[in-house]
PDB file of N, CA and C in Angstrom:
ATOM      1  N   GLU A   1       8.464 -30.077 -56.335  1.00  0.00           N
ATOM      2  CA  GLU A   1       8.794 -31.253 -55.561  1.00  0.00           C
ATOM      3  C   GLU A   1       7.660 -31.632 -54.612  1.00  0.00           C
ATOM      4  N   GLU A   2       7.059 -30.621 -53.986  1.00  0.00           N
ATOM      5  CA  GLU A   2       5.955 -30.894 -53.064  1.00  0.00           C
ATOM      6  C   GLU A   2       4.764 -31.497 -53.810  1.00  0.00           C
ATOM      7  N   ARG A   3       4.525 -31.006 -55.012  1.00  0.00           N
ATOM      8  CA  ARG A   3       3.414 -31.523 -55.809  1.00  0.00           C
ATOM      9  C   ARG A   3       3.634 -32.999 -56.155  1.00  0.00           C
ATOM     10  N   LEU A   4       4.863 -33.349 -56.456  1.00  0.00           N
ATOM     11  CA  LEU A   4       5.180 -34.747 -56.766  1.00  0.00           C
ATOM     12  C   LEU A   4       4.984 -35.625 -55.532  1.00  0.00           C
ATOM     13  N   ARG A   5       5.419 -35.151 -54.371  1.00  0.00           N
ATOM     14  CA  ARG A   5       5.216 -35.923 -53.138  1.00  0.00           C
ATOM     15  C   ARG A   5       3.727 -36.150 -52.884  1.00  0.00           C
ATOM     16  N   ASP A   6       2.932 -35.113 -53.071  1.00  0.00           N
ATOM     17  CA  ASP A   6       1.485 -35.222 -52.892  1.00  0.00           C
ATOM     18  C   ASP A   6       0.892 -36.205 -53.902  1.00  0.00           C
ATOM     19  N   HIS A   7       1.353 -36.120 -55.134  1.00  0.00           N
ATOM     20  CA  HIS A   7       0.878 -37.023 -56.183  1.00  0.00           C
ATOM     21  C   HIS A   7       1.195 -38.476 -55.824  1.00  0.00           C
ATOM     22  N   ILE A   8       2.380 -38.718 -55.306  1.00  0.00           N
ATOM     23  CA  ILE A   8       2.779 -40.070 -54.916  1.00  0.00           C
ATOM     24  C   ILE A   8       1.881 -40.591 -53.795  1.00  0.00           C
ATOM     25  N   LEU A   9       1.608 -39.770 -52.794  1.00  0.00           N
ATOM     26  CA  LEU A   9       0.743 -40.194 -51.686  1.00  0.00           C
ATOM     27  C   LEU A   9      -0.660 -40.534 -52.172  1.00  0.00           C
ATOM     28  N   LYS A  10      -1.212 -39.698 -53.029  1.00  0.00           N
ATOM     29  CA  LYS A  10      -2.549 -39.964 -53.572  1.00  0.00           C
ATOM     30  C   LYS A  10      -2.548 -41.223 -54.434  1.00  0.00           C
ATOM     31  N   PHE A  11      -1.493 -41.395 -55.210  1.00  0.00           N
ATOM     32  CA  PHE A  11      -1.383 -42.567 -56.069  1.00  0.00           C
ATOM     33  C   PHE A  11      -1.297 -43.839 -55.228  1.00  0.00           C
ATOM     34  N   GLU A  12      -0.524 -43.815 -54.159  1.00  0.00           N
ATOM     35  CA  GLU A  12      -0.414 -44.983 -53.290  1.00  0.00           C
ATOM     36  C   GLU A  12      -1.751 -45.305 -52.626  1.00  0.00           C
ATOM     37  N   LYS A  13      -2.544 -44.297 -52.296  1.00  0.00           N
ATOM     38  CA  LYS A  13      -3.887 -44.521 -51.739  1.00  0.00           C
ATOM     39  C   LYS A  13      -4.771 -45.211 -52.776  1.00  0.00           C
ATOM     40  N   LYS A  14      -4.707 -44.756 -54.028  1.00  0.00           N
ATOM     41  CA  LYS A  14      -5.478 -45.393 -55.100  1.00  0.00           C
ATOM     42  C   LYS A  14      -5.068 -46.857 -55.260  1.00  0.00           C
ATOM     43  N   LEU A  15      -3.771 -47.115 -55.182  1.00  0.00           N
ATOM     44  CA  LEU A  15      -3.288 -48.488 -55.300  1.00  0.00           C
ATOM     45  C   LEU A  15      -3.803 -49.354 -54.156  1.00  0.00           C
ATOM     46  N   ASP A  16      -3.816 -48.812 -52.944  1.00  0.00           N
ATOM     47  CA  ASP A  16      -4.355 -49.555 -51.798  1.00  0.00           C
ATOM     48  C   ASP A  16      -5.817 -49.915 -52.028  1.00  0.00           C
ATOM     49  N   ASP A  17      -6.602 -48.958 -52.497  1.00  0.00           N
ATOM     50  CA  ASP A  17      -8.023 -49.206 -52.750  1.00  0.00           C
ATOM     51  C   ASP A  17      -8.216 -50.282 -53.818  1.00  0.00           C
ATOM     52  N   LEU A  18      -7.450 -50.192 -54.889  1.00  0.00           N
ATOM     53  CA  LEU A  18      -7.563 -51.177 -55.960  1.00  0.00           C
ATOM     54  C   LEU A  18      -7.115 -52.551 -55.475  1.00  0.00           C
ATOM     55  N   HIS A  19      -6.075 -52.592 -54.670  1.00  0.00           N
ATOM     56  CA  HIS A  19      -5.580 -53.856 -54.125  1.00  0.00           C
ATOM     57  C   HIS A  19      -6.669 -54.532 -53.293  1.00  0.00           C
ATOM     58  N   LYS A  20      -7.402 -53.762 -52.511  1.00  0.00           N
ATOM     59  CA  LYS A  20      -8.503 -54.308 -51.710  1.00  0.00           C
ATOM     60  C   LYS A  20      -9.585 -54.889 -52.608  1.00  0.00           C
ATOM     61  N   ASP A  21      -9.923 -54.196 -53.696  1.00  0.00           N
ATOM     62  CA  ASP A  21     -10.930 -54.697 -54.638  1.00  0.00           C
ATOM     63  C   ASP A  21     -10.495 -56.021 -55.262  1.00  0.00           C
ATOM     64  N   VAL A  22      -9.241 -56.100 -55.640  1.00  0.00           N
ATOM     65  CA  VAL A  22      -8.726 -57.330 -56.245  1.00  0.00           C
ATOM     66  C   VAL A  22      -8.761 -58.466 -55.226  1.00  0.00           C
ATOM     67  N   ASP A  23      -8.414 -58.192 -53.979  1.00  0.00           N
ATOM     68  CA  ASP A  23      -8.467 -59.216 -52.935  1.00  0.00           C
ATOM     69  C   ASP A  23      -9.879 -59.750 -52.747  1.00  0.00           C
ATOM     70  N   LEU A  24     -10.884 -58.888 -52.852  1.00  0.00           N
ATOM     71  CA  LEU A  24     -12.266 -59.345 -52.730  1.00  0.00           C
ATOM     72  C   LEU A  24     -12.604 -60.365 -53.810  1.00  0.00           C
ATOM     73  N   PHE A  25     -12.129 -60.148 -55.019  1.00  0.00           N
ATOM     74  CA  PHE A  25     -12.391 -61.098 -56.098  1.00  0.00           C
ATOM     75  C   PHE A  25     -11.711 -62.437 -55.842  1.00  0.00           C
ATOM     76  N   LYS A  26     -10.558 -62.409 -55.251  1.00  0.00           N
ATOM     77  CA  LYS A  26      -9.841 -63.652 -54.967  1.00  0.00           C
ATOM     78  C   LYS A  26     -10.599 -64.518 -53.974  1.00  0.00           C
ATOM     79  N   ARG A  27     -11.402 -63.914 -53.130  1.00  0.00           N
ATOM     80  CA  ARG A  27     -12.103 -64.638 -52.067  1.00  0.00           C
ATOM     81  C   ARG A  27     -13.452 -65.188 -52.502  1.00  0.00           C
ATOM     82  N   LYS A  28     -13.962 -64.782 -53.646  1.00  0.00           N
ATOM     83  CA  LYS A  28     -15.275 -65.244 -54.094  1.00  0.00           C
ATOM     84  C   LYS A  28     -15.164 -66.654 -54.654  1.00  0.00           C
ATOM     85  N   ASP A  29     -16.095 -67.515 -54.248  1.00  0.00           N
ATOM     86  CA  ASP A  29     -16.071 -68.908 -54.697  1.00  0.00           C
ATOM     87  C   ASP A  29     -17.179 -69.197 -55.706  1.00  0.00           C
ATOM     88  N   VAL A  30     -18.397 -69.274 -55.234  1.00  0.00           N
ATOM     89  CA  VAL A  30     -19.527 -69.644 -56.078  1.00  0.00           C
ATOM     90  C   VAL A  30     -20.331 -68.393 -56.404  1.00  0.00           C
ATOM     91  N   LEU A  31     -20.613 -68.213 -57.698  1.00  0.00           N
ATOM     92  CA  LEU A  31     -21.328 -67.019 -58.135  1.00  0.00           C
ATOM     93  C   LEU A  31     -22.521 -67.401 -58.994  1.00  0.00           C
ATOM     94  N   SER A  32     -23.574 -66.627 -58.880  1.00  0.00           N
ATOM     95  CA  SER A  32     -24.716 -66.806 -59.775  1.00  0.00           C
ATOM     96  C   SER A  32     -24.369 -66.190 -61.126  1.00  0.00           C
ATOM     97  N   THR A  33     -25.226 -66.425 -62.108  1.00  0.00           N
ATOM     98  CA  THR A  33     -25.000 -65.864 -63.444  1.00  0.00           C
ATOM     99  C   THR A  33     -24.967 -64.345 -63.393  1.00  0.00           C
ATOM    100  N   ASP A  34     -25.880 -63.750 -62.644  1.00  0.00           N
ATOM    101  CA  ASP A  34     -25.901 -62.287 -62.527  1.00  0.00           C
ATOM    102  C   ASP A  34     -24.631 -61.764 -61.862  1.00  0.00           C
ATOM    103  N   GLU A  35     -24.189 -62.457 -60.820  1.00  0.00           N
ATOM    104  CA  GLU A  35     -22.954 -62.047 -60.143  1.00  0.00           C
ATOM    105  C   GLU A  35     -21.754 -62.163 -61.078  1.00  0.00           C
ATOM    106  N   MET A  36     -21.743 -63.222 -61.889  1.00  0.00           N
ATOM    107  CA  MET A  36     -20.649 -63.385 -62.851  1.00  0.00           C
ATOM    108  C   MET A  36     -20.633 -62.242 -63.852  1.00  0.00           C
ATOM    109  N   ARG A  37     -21.795 -61.881 -64.350  1.00  0.00           N
ATOM    110  CA  ARG A  37     -21.903 -60.788 -65.318  1.00  0.00           C
ATOM    111  C   ARG A  37     -21.400 -59.482 -64.700  1.00  0.00           C
ATOM    112  N   THR A  38     -21.847 -59.211 -63.489  1.00  0.00           N
ATOM    113  CA  THR A  38     -21.424 -58.001 -62.782  1.00  0.00           C
ATOM    114  C   THR A  38     -19.916 -58.018 -62.535  1.00  0.00           C
ATOM    115  N   ASN A  39     -19.406 -59.178 -62.142  1.00  0.00           N
ATOM    116  CA  ASN A  39     -17.977 -59.282 -61.858  1.00  0.00           C
ATOM    117  C   ASN A  39     -17.126 -59.130 -63.109  1.00  0.00           C
ATOM    118  N   VAL A  40     -17.621 -59.606 -64.240  1.00  0.00           N
ATOM    119  CA  VAL A  40     -16.886 -59.422 -65.495  1.00  0.00           C
ATOM    120  C   VAL A  40     -16.761 -57.933 -65.795  1.00  0.00           C
ATOM    121  N   GLU A  41     -17.842 -57.190 -65.574  1.00  0.00           N
ATOM    122  CA  GLU A  41     -17.805 -55.740 -65.789  1.00  0.00           C
ATOM    123  C   GLU A  41     -16.831 -55.073 -64.816  1.00  0.00           C
ATOM    124  N   LYS A  42     -16.887 -55.495 -63.553  1.00  0.00           N
ATOM    125  CA  LYS A  42     -15.982 -54.921 -62.552  1.00  0.00           C
ATOM    126  C   LYS A  42     -14.528 -55.235 -62.881  1.00  0.00           C
ATOM    127  N   LEU A  43     -14.277 -56.465 -63.333  1.00  0.00           N
ATOM    128  CA  LEU A  43     -12.911 -56.838 -63.689  1.00  0.00           C
ATOM    129  C   LEU A  43     -12.403 -56.036 -64.880  1.00  0.00           C
ATOM    130  N   ALA A  44     -13.283 -55.744 -65.819  1.00  0.00           N
ATOM    131  CA  ALA A  44     -12.890 -54.904 -66.956  1.00  0.00           C
ATOM    132  C   ALA A  44     -12.511 -53.510 -66.463  1.00  0.00           C
ATOM    133  N   ASP A  45     -13.293 -52.991 -65.516  1.00  0.00           N
ATOM    134  CA  ASP A  45     -12.980 -51.680 -64.932  1.00  0.00           C
ATOM    135  C   ASP A  45     -11.645 -51.721 -64.185  1.00  0.00           C
ATOM    136  N   ILE A  46     -11.435 -52.791 -63.428  1.00  0.00           N
ATOM    137  CA  ILE A  46     -10.186 -52.938 -62.683  1.00  0.00           C
ATOM    138  C   ILE A  46      -9.008 -53.017 -63.645  1.00  0.00           C
ATOM    139  N   ASN A  47      -9.168 -53.775 -64.721  1.00  0.00           N
ATOM    140  CA  ASN A  47      -8.092 -53.894 -65.707  1.00  0.00           C
ATOM    141  C   ASN A  47      -7.747 -52.534 -66.304  1.00  0.00           C
ATOM    142  N   LYS A  48      -8.770 -51.740 -66.592  1.00  0.00           N
ATOM    143  CA  LYS A  48      -8.547 -50.397 -67.128  1.00  0.00           C
ATOM    144  C   LYS A  48      -7.774 -49.544 -66.116  1.00  0.00           C
ATOM    145  N   LEU A  49      -8.174 -49.630 -64.844  1.00  0.00           N
ATOM    146  CA  LEU A  49      -7.481 -48.874 -63.796  1.00  0.00           C
ATOM    147  C   LEU A  49      -6.033 -49.324 -63.645  1.00  0.00           C
ATOM    148  N   VAL A  50      -5.800 -50.623 -63.729  1.00  0.00           N
ATOM    149  CA  VAL A  50      -4.431 -51.133 -63.611  1.00  0.00           C
ATOM    150  C   VAL A  50      -3.559 -50.533 -64.705  1.00  0.00           C
ATOM    151  N   GLU A  51      -4.070 -50.488 -65.926  1.00  0.00           N
ATOM    152  CA  GLU A  51      -3.301 -49.909 -67.029  1.00  0.00           C
ATOM    153  C   GLU A  51      -3.049 -48.413 -66.806  1.00  0.00           C
ATOM    154  N   GLU A  52      -4.086 -47.704 -66.331  1.00  0.00           N
ATOM    155  CA  GLU A  52      -3.923 -46.275 -66.041  1.00  0.00           C
ATOM    156  C   GLU A  52      -2.893 -46.064 -64.930  1.00  0.00           C
ATOM    157  N   TYR A  53      -2.979 -46.867 -63.887  1.00  0.00           N
ATOM    158  CA  TYR A  53      -2.073 -46.721 -62.752  1.00  0.00           C
ATOM    159  C   TYR A  53      -0.647 -47.115 -63.131  1.00  0.00           C
ATOM    160  N   ARG A  54      -0.498 -48.109 -63.994  1.00  0.00           N
ATOM    161  CA  ARG A  54       0.832 -48.489 -64.457  1.00  0.00           C
ATOM    162  C   ARG A  54       1.482 -47.307 -65.175  1.00  0.00           C
ATOM    163  N   ALA A  55       0.690 -46.652 -66.041  1.00  0.00           N
ATOM    164  CA  ALA A  55       1.204 -45.486 -66.771  1.00  0.00           C
ATOM    165  C   ALA A  55       1.524 -44.341 -65.810  1.00  0.00           C
ATOM    166  N   GLN A  56       0.647 -44.117 -64.815  1.00  0.00           N
ATOM    167  CA  GLN A  56       0.905 -43.063 -63.827  1.00  0.00           C
ATOM    168  C   GLN A  56       2.174 -43.359 -63.038  1.00  0.00           C
ATOM    169  N   GLY A  57       2.355 -44.617 -62.665  1.00  0.00           N
ATOM    170  CA  GLY A  57       3.555 -44.999 -61.930  1.00  0.00           C
ATOM    171  C   GLY A  57       4.815 -44.738 -62.739  1.00  0.00           C
ATOM    172  N   GLU A  58       4.747 -45.026 -64.034  1.00  0.00           N
ATOM    173  CA  GLU A  58       5.898 -44.764 -64.900  1.00  0.00           C
ATOM    174  C   GLU A  58       6.196 -43.267 -64.982  1.00  0.00           C
ATOM    175  N   LEU A  59       5.143 -42.450 -65.063  1.00  0.00           N
ATOM    176  CA  LEU A  59       5.344 -40.996 -65.104  1.00  0.00           C
ATOM    177  C   LEU A  59       5.935 -40.478 -63.796  1.00  0.00           C
ATOM    178  N   ILE A  60       5.426 -40.991 -62.689  1.00  0.00           N
ATOM    179  CA  ILE A  60       5.963 -40.591 -61.384  1.00  0.00           C
ATOM    180  C   ILE A  60       7.435 -40.973 -61.294  1.00  0.00           C
ATOM    181  N   ASN A  61       7.757 -42.199 -61.701  1.00  0.00           N
ATOM    182  CA  ASN A  61       9.154 -42.646 -61.666  1.00  0.00           C
ATOM    183  C   ASN A  61      10.035 -41.794 -62.564  1.00  0.00           C
ATOM    184  N   ARG A  62       9.524 -41.388 -63.715  1.00  0.00           N
ATOM    185  CA  ARG A  62      10.296 -40.519 -64.608  1.00  0.00           C
ATOM    186  C   ARG A  62      10.575 -39.182 -63.932  1.00  0.00           C
ATOM    187  N   ASP A  63       9.523 -38.614 -63.304  1.00  0.00           N
ATOM    188  CA  ASP A  63       9.698 -37.338 -62.604  1.00  0.00           C
ATOM    189  C   ASP A  63      10.684 -37.476 -61.446  1.00  0.00           C
ATOM    190  N   GLN A  64      10.603 -38.590 -60.728  1.00  0.00           N
ATOM    191  CA  GLN A  64      11.540 -38.825 -59.632  1.00  0.00           C
ATOM    192  C   GLN A  64      12.973 -38.890 -60.156  1.00  0.00           C
ATOM    193  N   ALA A  65      13.161 -39.571 -61.266  1.00  0.00           N
ATOM    194  CA  ALA A  65      14.502 -39.683 -61.851  1.00  0.00           C
ATOM    195  C   ALA A  65      15.016 -38.317 -62.288  1.00  0.00           C
ATOM    196  N   LEU A  66      14.129 -37.489 -62.850  1.00  0.00           N
ATOM    197  CA  LEU A  66      14.535 -36.151 -63.272  1.00  0.00           C
ATOM    198  C   LEU A  66      14.987 -35.293 -62.093  1.00  0.00           C
ATOM    199  N   LEU A  67      14.382 -35.537 -60.928  1.00  0.00           N
ATOM    200  CA  LEU A  67      14.751 -34.793 -59.723  1.00  0.00           C
ATOM    201  C   LEU A  67      15.875 -35.485 -58.942  1.00  0.00           C
ATOM    202  N   ALA A  68      16.397 -36.558 -59.517  1.00  0.00           N
ATOM    203  CA  ALA A  68      17.463 -37.350 -58.890  1.00  0.00           C
ATOM    204  C   ALA A  68      17.009 -37.951 -57.559  1.00  0.00           C
ATOM    205  N   TRP A  69      15.709 -38.290 -57.475  1.00  0.00           N
ATOM    206  CA  TRP A  69      15.160 -38.959 -56.306  1.00  0.00           C
ATOM    207  C   TRP A  69      15.269 -40.462 -56.514  1.00  0.00           C
ATOM    208  N   GLU A  70      15.158 -41.182 -55.409  1.00  0.00           N
ATOM    209  CA  GLU A  70      15.066 -42.632 -55.506  1.00  0.00           C
ATOM    210  C   GLU A  70      13.715 -42.980 -56.134  1.00  0.00           C
ATOM    211  N   VAL A  71      13.717 -43.891 -57.076  1.00  0.00           N
ATOM    212  CA  VAL A  71      12.495 -44.278 -57.782  1.00  0.00           C
ATOM    213  C   VAL A  71      11.661 -45.193 -56.887  1.00  0.00           C
ATOM    214  N   THR A  72      10.371 -44.890 -56.763  1.00  0.00           N
ATOM    215  CA  THR A  72       9.453 -45.675 -55.944  1.00  0.00           C
ATOM    216  C   THR A  72       9.021 -46.919 -56.718  1.00  0.00           C
ATOM    217  N   PRO A  73       9.165 -48.122 -56.123  1.00  0.00           N
ATOM    218  CA  PRO A  73       8.821 -49.344 -56.854  1.00  0.00           C
ATOM    219  C   PRO A  73       7.315 -49.648 -56.929  1.00  0.00           C
ATOM    220  N   PHE A  74       6.501 -49.037 -56.057  1.00  0.00           N
ATOM    221  CA  PHE A  74       5.063 -49.290 -55.990  1.00  0.00           C
ATOM    222  C   PHE A  74       4.765 -50.795 -55.956  1.00  0.00           C
ATOM    223  N   PRO A  75       5.129 -51.464 -54.860  1.00  0.00           N
ATOM    224  CA  PRO A  75       4.940 -52.918 -54.781  1.00  0.00           C
ATOM    225  C   PRO A  75       3.480 -53.359 -54.900  1.00  0.00           C
ATOM    226  N   LYS A  76       2.540 -52.537 -54.438  1.00  0.00           N
ATOM    227  CA  LYS A  76       1.122 -52.918 -54.559  1.00  0.00           C
ATOM    228  C   LYS A  76       0.725 -53.048 -56.021  1.00  0.00           C
ATOM    229  N   LEU A  77       1.245 -52.168 -56.857  1.00  0.00           N
ATOM    230  CA  LEU A  77       0.945 -52.239 -58.287  1.00  0.00           C
ATOM    231  C   LEU A  77       1.488 -53.543 -58.864  1.00  0.00           C
ATOM    232  N   GLN A  78       2.678 -53.926 -58.450  1.00  0.00           N
ATOM    233  CA  GLN A  78       3.259 -55.184 -58.927  1.00  0.00           C
ATOM    234  C   GLN A  78       2.426 -56.378 -58.467  1.00  0.00           C
ATOM    235  N   GLU A  79       1.924 -56.334 -57.236  1.00  0.00           N
ATOM    236  CA  GLU A  79       1.085 -57.418 -56.716  1.00  0.00           C
ATOM    237  C   GLU A  79      -0.206 -57.537 -57.510  1.00  0.00           C
ATOM    238  N   ILE A  80      -0.802 -56.406 -57.838  1.00  0.00           N
ATOM    239  CA  ILE A  80      -2.068 -56.394 -58.568  1.00  0.00           C
ATOM    240  C   ILE A  80      -1.881 -56.954 -59.970  1.00  0.00           C
ATOM    241  N   MET A  81      -0.773 -56.579 -60.591  1.00  0.00           N
ATOM    242  CA  MET A  81      -0.529 -57.012 -61.960  1.00  0.00           C
ATOM    243  C   MET A  81      -0.190 -58.485 -61.983  1.00  0.00           C
TER     244      MET A  81
END
C-alpha cells in the first residue's frame, strides 16, 4: 500500500511537469522554421509521454480498485489529453 501511495505521488509530479510543458506550447505565437521543427519533435515526445502516463494512470487505478481504495481521477492528465 505504501508503495502505491509513493507511486501515485511521483506520478502526479510527472503530470504536473508535463502540464507545464503543454502550457508553454499554448503560449507560443510566432515561430521560425527551426523552432517549428524543434517543437514538432517536442510535441511527439509529449504525445508519447501522454500515452505512457495514461497507461500508468489506468494501472494505478486498477491497483487502487483491487485495494478497495477510491480511484484517483488524475485531472491534470485529463486536461493534457
